[in-house]
């Protein structure tokens, strides 16, 4: 079993509903916590300002 503390999952099937914006605001609000964020999407997105791509 994998344990991931401080995990928040935001999901939805539509685009342009504010999921990424909401996630960024939550992460910023709780910046004192060690948070790992991963965005999974089936379509291409331009890099959101303030996010760093991981390769």
C-alpha atoms as a PDB file:
ATOM      1  CA  UNK A   1       0.000   0.000   0.000  1.00  0.00           C
ATOM      2  CA  UNK A   2       1.234   3.482  -0.862  1.00  0.00           C
ATOM      3  CA  UNK A   3       0.541   6.266   1.623  1.00  0.00           C
ATOM      4  CA  UNK A   4       0.472   9.821   0.337  1.00  0.00           C
ATOM      5  CA  UNK A   5       0.020  12.405   3.097  1.00  0.00           C
ATOM      6  CA  UNK A   6      -1.617  15.721   2.224  1.00  0.00           C
ATOM      7  CA  UNK A   7      -3.169  14.325  -0.962  1.00  0.00           C
ATOM      8  CA  UNK A   8      -5.936  16.340  -2.569  1.00  0.00           C
ATOM      9  CA  UNK A   9      -7.596  14.990  -5.699  1.00  0.00           C
ATOM     10  CA  UNK A  10      -9.528  17.396  -7.909  1.00  0.00           C
ATOM     11  CA  UNK A  11     -11.247  15.747 -10.855  1.00  0.00           C
ATOM     12  CA  UNK A  12     -13.690  16.644 -13.578  1.00  0.00           C
ATOM     13  CA  UNK A  13     -14.547  15.828 -17.149  1.00  0.00           C
ATOM     14  CA  UNK A  14     -14.983  19.346 -18.493  1.00  0.00           C
ATOM     15  CA  UNK A  15     -12.417  21.929 -19.512  1.00  0.00           C
ATOM     16  CA  UNK A  16     -12.207  25.547 -18.373  1.00  0.00           C
ATOM     17  CA  UNK A  17     -14.027  24.877 -15.112  1.00  0.00           C
ATOM     18  CA  UNK A  18     -11.244  26.144 -12.828  1.00  0.00           C
ATOM     19  CA  UNK A  19      -9.772  22.868 -11.528  1.00  0.00           C
ATOM     20  CA  UNK A  20      -6.146  23.946 -12.015  1.00  0.00           C
ATOM     21  CA  UNK A  21      -6.813  27.440 -10.665  1.00  0.00           C
ATOM     22  CA  UNK A  22      -8.469  25.976  -7.571  1.00  0.00           C
ATOM     23  CA  UNK A  23      -5.599  23.528  -7.016  1.00  0.00           C
ATOM     24  CA  UNK A  24      -3.032  26.346  -7.301  1.00  0.00           C
ATOM     25  CA  UNK A  25      -4.944  28.491  -4.796  1.00  0.00           C
ATOM     26  CA  UNK A  26      -5.196  25.611  -2.309  1.00  0.00           C
ATOM     27  CA  UNK A  27      -1.487  24.803  -2.654  1.00  0.00           C
ATOM     28  CA  UNK A  28      -0.608  28.477  -2.149  1.00  0.00           C
ATOM     29  CA  UNK A  29      -2.888  28.703   0.909  1.00  0.00           C
ATOM     30  CA  UNK A  30      -1.223  25.687   2.542  1.00  0.00           C
ATOM     31  CA  UNK A  31       2.353  26.458   1.473  1.00  0.00           C
ATOM     32  CA  UNK A  32       3.680  25.469   4.919  1.00  0.00           C
ATOM     33  CA  UNK A  33       2.792  21.835   4.145  1.00  0.00           C
ATOM     34  CA  UNK A  34       4.932  19.631   1.963  1.00  0.00           C
ATOM     35  CA  UNK A  35       2.668  19.236  -1.065  1.00  0.00           C
ATOM     36  CA  UNK A  36       3.340  17.326  -4.254  1.00  0.00           C
ATOM     37  CA  UNK A  37       1.094  18.178  -7.178  1.00  0.00           C
ATOM     38  CA  UNK A  38       0.667  16.181 -10.381  1.00  0.00           C
ATOM     39  CA  UNK A  39      -1.596  17.164 -13.246  1.00  0.00           C
ATOM     40  CA  UNK A  40      -2.889  14.334 -15.424  1.00  0.00           C
ATOM     41  CA  UNK A  41      -4.713  15.312 -18.584  1.00  0.00           C
ATOM     42  CA  UNK A  42      -5.533  13.608 -21.877  1.00  0.00           C
ATOM     43  CA  UNK A  43      -5.015  16.805 -23.856  1.00  0.00           C
ATOM     44  CA  UNK A  44      -2.252  19.372 -24.299  1.00  0.00           C
ATOM     45  CA  UNK A  45      -2.098  22.465 -22.101  1.00  0.00           C
ATOM     46  CA  UNK A  46       0.165  25.461 -22.263  1.00  0.00           C
ATOM     47  CA  UNK A  47       2.207  25.698 -19.061  1.00  0.00           C
ATOM     48  CA  UNK A  48       0.227  27.642 -16.480  1.00  0.00           C
ATOM     49  CA  UNK A  49       2.110  30.705 -15.165  1.00  0.00           C
ATOM     50  CA  UNK A  50       3.796  29.862 -11.888  1.00  0.00           C
ATOM     51  CA  UNK A  51       4.004  26.126 -12.537  1.00  0.00           C
ATOM     52  CA  UNK A  52       7.241  24.367 -13.373  1.00  0.00           C
ATOM     53  CA  UNK A  53       7.215  21.459 -15.835  1.00  0.00           C
ATOM     54  CA  UNK A  54       8.835  18.226 -14.632  1.00  0.00           C
ATOM     55  CA  UNK A  55      10.666  16.069 -17.154  1.00  0.00           C
END
